[in-house]
Amino acid sequence: MGYKDVKRSNPNKQTNVLAIINQKGGVGKSTTAINLSAALGEEHKKCLVIDFDPQGNTTSGYGIDKDVLEHDIYDALLEGYSMSELIVETPEPRVFVVPATIQLAGAEIELVSKIARESILKNLIAEVKDEFDYVFIDCPPSLGLLTINALSAANGLLIPIQCEYYALEGVTKLLESMKLVKSSLNPSLDVFGVLMTMYDKRTTLSNDVVAEVKKYFGNKMFKTVIPRSVKISEAPSHGLPIAMYSATNKGAIAYRGLAREVIRRG
């Protein structure tokens, strides 16, 4: 079944385009992209996830074999393909993915010579976004031209932060970049929400980090925190979101809670 065969839950509501972003690696960006979109799918929300990271973890985490893909997001950015030509199905019937492969790694350099290079992704998303309730952009762990494209295309940032020492390291730089893009390219850009990941309630460290981030971001921080879970780590190797791999796992329950919070925020 193609993406056009699935109806969005509210065609009259503006599509929320969220960049899942943190310049630090290993904080749970792809994990969040996969599991939040799946949880929203369970809530009858139609989602598009754009894998914008050359590592392609969201692509493989949804069970898409990168070795047999004919095209990926690189072809839309640089080869003239439309977004609609790249959208593929996932095991969750209301979630669709625009895949990425390692080919995307060269795009940073190749985009430099393009006209209006910061807005290419925004224009590509505009072709299809009205078909979806939510569009998520899984960003690379850097603040290069790919990330600037994501910031230009999104109306909000969803920032995963791992419960560890130096959790806020680099976030200030990210927010500075957001303000620059907001002032010059995308006036509607703002922080949509901050998500604490890999939380272990038994440790003082996790609780201290949550308190620190809450003090910094206030109501922008989601009430839901994502626990550290072996099952969450295992699920991508099976090509499934946690809700389909282990439906009653504490991680699946947490992502369902997060999905409900995202819906309430609009």
Protein backbone atom coordinates (compact mmCIF):
# COMPACT_ATOMS: atom_id res chain seq x y z
CA MET A 1 0.00 0.00 0.00
CA GLY A 2 1.44 3.38 -1.04
CA TYR A 3 1.58 6.40 1.22
CA LYS A 4 -1.25 8.10 -0.67
CA ASP A 5 -3.58 5.23 0.18
CA VAL A 6 -3.34 6.03 3.90
CA LYS A 7 -5.35 9.03 5.07
CA ARG A 8 -4.02 11.47 7.62
CA SER A 9 -6.03 11.93 10.81
CA ASN A 10 -6.76 15.62 10.36
CA PRO A 11 -6.31 17.01 6.82
CA ASN A 12 -7.32 20.50 7.97
CA LYS A 13 -4.54 20.80 10.54
CA GLN A 14 -1.13 22.16 9.61
CA THR A 15 1.54 19.49 9.31
CA ASN A 16 4.11 19.57 12.10
CA VAL A 17 7.65 19.33 10.69
CA LEU A 18 10.08 18.47 13.50
CA ALA A 19 13.84 18.17 13.29
CA ILE A 20 15.14 15.59 15.76
CA ILE A 21 18.49 17.12 16.53
CA ASN A 22 21.48 17.18 18.83
CA GLN A 23 25.02 17.72 17.61
CA LYS A 24 26.22 15.05 20.03
CA GLY A 25 26.09 11.49 18.76
CA GLY A 26 24.61 8.56 20.66
CA VAL A 27 21.87 10.48 22.42
CA GLY A 28 18.96 8.62 20.83
CA LYS A 29 18.01 10.68 17.76
CA SER A 30 17.33 7.74 15.44
CA THR A 31 15.80 5.70 18.26
CA THR A 32 13.42 8.58 18.90
CA ALA A 33 12.61 9.04 15.21
CA ILE A 34 11.70 5.35 14.88
CA ASN A 35 9.82 4.84 18.11
CA LEU A 36 8.00 8.16 18.34
CA SER A 37 6.73 7.88 14.77
CA ALA A 38 5.57 4.31 15.43
CA ALA A 39 3.80 5.38 18.63
CA LEU A 40 2.09 8.21 16.75
CA GLY A 41 1.08 5.67 14.10
CA GLU A 42 -0.65 3.70 16.85
CA GLU A 43 -2.52 6.92 17.65
CA HIS A 44 -3.76 7.02 14.02
CA LYS A 45 -1.33 9.78 13.03
CA LYS A 46 0.26 9.50 9.61
CA CYS A 47 4.01 10.16 9.76
CA LEU A 48 6.88 10.64 7.34
CA VAL A 49 10.38 10.11 8.71
CA ILE A 50 13.20 11.57 6.64
CA ASP A 51 16.50 9.88 7.40
CA PHE A 52 18.96 12.75 7.01
CA ASP A 53 21.96 11.05 8.61
CA PRO A 54 24.51 9.26 6.35
CA GLN A 55 24.68 6.45 8.92
CA GLY A 56 21.13 5.54 7.90
CA ASN A 57 20.19 4.13 11.31
CA THR A 58 16.54 5.09 10.99
CA THR A 59 16.41 3.41 7.59
CA SER A 60 17.82 0.10 8.84
CA GLY A 61 15.98 0.40 12.16
CA TYR A 62 12.72 0.26 10.25
CA GLY A 63 13.84 -2.89 8.45
CA ILE A 64 14.72 -1.23 5.14
CA ASP A 65 17.63 -2.95 3.38
CA LYS A 66 20.00 -0.18 2.27
CA ASP A 67 21.86 -2.56 -0.04
CA VAL A 68 18.87 -2.98 -2.35
CA LEU A 69 17.63 0.61 -2.39
CA GLU A 70 17.61 2.15 -5.85
CA HIS A 71 17.36 5.71 -4.54
CA ASP A 72 17.59 7.64 -1.29
CA ILE A 73 17.40 11.21 0.02
CA TYR A 74 20.70 12.04 -1.70
CA ASP A 75 18.96 11.64 -5.07
CA ALA A 76 16.34 14.21 -4.10
CA LEU A 77 18.93 16.69 -2.84
CA LEU A 78 21.29 16.45 -5.79
CA GLU A 79 19.85 14.40 -8.64
CA GLY A 80 16.46 16.02 -9.17
CA TYR A 81 14.26 13.23 -7.79
CA SER A 82 11.02 14.22 -6.09
CA MET A 83 10.34 13.23 -2.50
CA SER A 84 7.33 11.18 -3.55
CA GLU A 85 9.60 8.90 -5.59
CA LEU A 86 11.64 8.01 -2.51
CA ILE A 87 9.00 7.26 0.13
CA VAL A 88 8.93 3.63 1.29
CA GLU A 89 6.66 1.68 3.61
CA THR A 90 7.52 0.43 7.10
CA PRO A 91 6.08 -2.32 9.31
CA GLU A 92 3.86 0.35 10.94
CA PRO A 93 1.16 1.01 8.29
CA ARG A 94 0.85 4.74 9.05
CA VAL A 95 4.59 5.46 9.03
CA PHE A 96 6.67 6.00 5.90
CA VAL A 97 10.39 6.64 5.48
CA VAL A 98 12.58 8.53 3.07
CA PRO A 99 15.75 6.43 3.41
CA ALA A 100 19.41 7.42 3.62
CA THR A 101 22.61 5.60 2.76
CA ILE A 102 26.29 6.42 3.16
CA GLN A 103 26.03 8.20 -0.21
CA LEU A 104 24.57 11.13 1.72
CA ALA A 105 27.97 11.76 3.33
CA GLY A 106 29.15 13.49 0.15
CA ALA A 107 26.18 15.82 0.02
CA GLU A 108 27.69 18.39 2.43
CA ILE A 109 30.38 19.24 -0.13
CA GLU A 110 28.21 18.88 -3.24
CA LEU A 111 25.49 21.17 -1.89
CA VAL A 112 27.91 24.09 -1.52
CA SER A 113 27.63 25.04 -5.19
CA LYS A 114 23.83 24.75 -5.35
CA ILE A 115 21.57 27.80 -5.61
CA ALA A 116 19.46 28.37 -2.46
CA ARG A 117 21.33 25.41 -0.96
CA GLU A 118 19.91 25.96 2.57
CA SER A 119 16.31 25.56 1.39
CA ILE A 120 16.50 22.46 -0.81
CA LEU A 121 15.06 20.12 1.81
CA LYS A 122 12.30 22.59 2.68
CA ASN A 123 11.20 22.71 -0.95
CA LEU A 124 11.28 18.91 -1.23
CA ILE A 125 9.16 18.49 1.90
CA ALA A 126 6.66 21.06 0.61
CA GLU A 127 5.79 18.65 -2.23
CA VAL A 128 4.45 15.98 0.14
CA LYS A 129 3.94 17.38 3.64
CA ASP A 130 0.19 17.96 3.28
CA GLU A 131 -0.19 14.18 3.03
CA PHE A 132 1.06 13.72 6.62
CA ASP A 133 0.20 14.73 10.17
CA TYR A 134 3.87 14.76 11.18
CA VAL A 135 7.16 14.94 9.29
CA PHE A 136 10.29 14.06 11.28
CA ILE A 137 13.83 14.82 10.11
CA ASP A 138 16.46 12.61 11.75
CA CYS A 139 19.48 14.93 11.68
CA PRO A 140 23.19 14.04 11.58
CA PRO A 141 25.32 14.75 14.68
CA SER A 142 26.85 17.94 13.30
CA LEU A 143 25.94 21.52 12.46
CA GLY A 144 26.86 21.38 8.77
CA LEU A 145 24.87 22.13 5.63
CA LEU A 146 22.61 19.10 6.00
CA THR A 147 21.57 20.26 9.47
CA ILE A 148 21.06 23.84 8.24
CA ASN A 149 18.71 22.40 5.61
CA ALA A 150 16.80 20.58 8.35
CA LEU A 151 16.57 23.74 10.49
CA SER A 152 15.31 25.69 7.47
CA ALA A 153 12.63 23.08 6.75
CA ALA A 154 11.33 22.46 10.28
CA ASN A 155 8.92 24.48 12.38
CA GLY A 156 10.23 22.93 15.60
CA LEU A 157 13.20 21.17 17.15
CA LEU A 158 12.87 17.99 19.17
CA ILE A 159 16.11 17.67 21.15
CA PRO A 160 16.96 14.29 22.74
CA ILE A 161 19.41 14.63 25.65
CA GLN A 162 21.06 11.62 27.24
CA CYS A 163 21.09 11.35 31.03
CA GLU A 164 24.85 11.61 31.42
CA TYR A 165 27.56 14.03 32.53
CA TYR A 166 27.92 17.05 30.25
CA ALA A 167 24.38 16.47 28.98
CA LEU A 168 24.00 20.13 28.00
CA GLU A 169 27.40 20.31 26.34
CA GLY A 170 26.90 21.57 22.81
CA VAL A 171 23.22 22.40 23.28
CA THR A 172 24.07 26.09 23.65
CA LYS A 173 25.80 26.00 20.26
CA LEU A 174 22.76 24.26 18.76
CA LEU A 175 20.44 26.95 20.12
CA GLU A 176 22.73 29.66 18.72
CA SER A 177 22.51 28.00 15.30
CA MET A 178 18.73 27.83 15.66
CA LYS A 179 18.57 31.57 16.38
CA LEU A 180 20.72 32.35 13.32
CA VAL A 181 18.50 30.24 11.06
CA LYS A 182 15.39 31.73 12.67
CA SER A 183 16.56 35.28 11.99
CA SER A 184 17.75 34.72 8.43
CA LEU A 185 15.91 31.75 6.90
CA ASN A 186 13.03 30.41 9.00
CA PRO A 187 11.19 32.84 11.33
CA SER A 188 8.80 30.13 12.59
CA LEU A 189 11.56 27.91 14.01
CA ASP A 190 11.48 27.20 17.74
CA VAL A 191 12.20 24.46 20.27
CA PHE A 192 9.22 22.09 20.23
CA GLY A 193 10.42 19.88 23.05
CA VAL A 194 13.37 18.40 24.91
CA LEU A 195 13.41 14.66 25.60
CA MET A 196 15.48 12.93 28.26
CA THR A 197 16.77 9.55 27.05
CA MET A 198 18.55 6.55 28.59
CA TYR A 199 17.17 7.42 32.01
CA ASP A 200 17.92 5.15 34.97
CA LYS A 201 15.78 6.10 37.96
CA ARG A 202 18.08 4.14 40.31
CA THR A 203 21.01 6.49 39.78
CA THR A 204 21.57 9.88 41.31
CA LEU A 205 23.23 10.98 38.07
CA SER A 206 20.11 10.47 35.96
CA ASN A 207 17.94 12.35 38.41
CA ASP A 208 20.46 15.18 38.72
CA VAL A 209 20.72 15.55 34.94
CA VAL A 210 16.92 15.63 34.55
CA ALA A 211 16.75 18.36 37.20
CA GLU A 212 19.51 20.35 35.48
CA VAL A 213 17.87 20.15 32.05
CA LYS A 214 14.48 21.02 33.53
CA LYS A 215 16.02 24.12 35.10
CA TYR A 216 17.50 25.12 31.74
CA PHE A 217 14.52 24.40 29.46
CA GLY A 218 11.53 24.63 31.81
CA ASN A 219 8.23 23.63 30.18
CA LYS A 220 9.98 22.79 26.92
CA MET A 221 11.09 19.52 28.54
CA PHE A 222 8.68 16.63 28.07
CA LYS A 223 7.29 15.06 31.23
CA THR A 224 7.92 11.65 29.64
CA VAL A 225 11.46 10.32 30.02
CA ILE A 226 12.77 7.38 28.00
CA PRO A 227 14.28 4.68 30.20
CA ARG A 228 17.44 2.77 29.50
CA SER A 229 16.28 -0.58 28.12
CA VAL A 230 17.98 -3.54 26.48
CA LYS A 231 14.84 -4.17 24.41
CA ILE A 232 15.00 -0.65 22.92
CA SER A 233 18.58 -1.37 21.88
CA GLU A 234 17.66 -4.77 20.42
CA ALA A 235 14.63 -3.68 18.40
CA PRO A 236 16.50 -1.99 15.48
CA SER A 237 18.43 -5.19 14.75
CA HIS A 238 15.05 -6.80 14.08
CA GLY A 239 13.93 -3.90 11.89
CA LEU A 240 11.09 -3.04 14.24
CA PRO A 241 10.12 -0.18 16.57
CA ILE A 242 9.97 -1.12 20.23
CA ALA A 243 6.15 -1.06 20.20
CA MET A 244 6.13 -3.92 17.67
CA TYR A 245 9.17 -5.77 19.03
CA SER A 246 8.11 -5.80 22.68
CA ALA A 247 4.74 -4.09 23.09
CA THR A 248 4.66 -4.18 26.89
CA ASN A 249 8.28 -3.13 27.43
CA LYS A 250 8.79 -0.03 29.58
CA GLY A 251 10.37 1.69 26.58
CA ALA A 252 7.30 1.04 24.42
CA ILE A 253 5.09 2.43 27.18
CA ALA A 254 7.30 5.52 27.47
CA TYR A 255 7.21 6.25 23.75
CA ARG A 256 3.42 5.95 23.76
CA GLY A 257 3.37 8.52 26.56
CA LEU A 258 5.67 10.76 24.55
CA ALA A 259 3.41 10.44 21.49
CA ARG A 260 0.44 11.62 23.53
CA GLU A 261 2.46 14.60 24.79
CA VAL A 262 3.50 15.47 21.23
CA ILE A 263 -0.14 15.39 20.11
CA ARG A 264 -1.17 17.65 22.98
CA ARG A 265 1.52 20.18 22.05
CA GLY A 266 -0.04 20.46 18.61
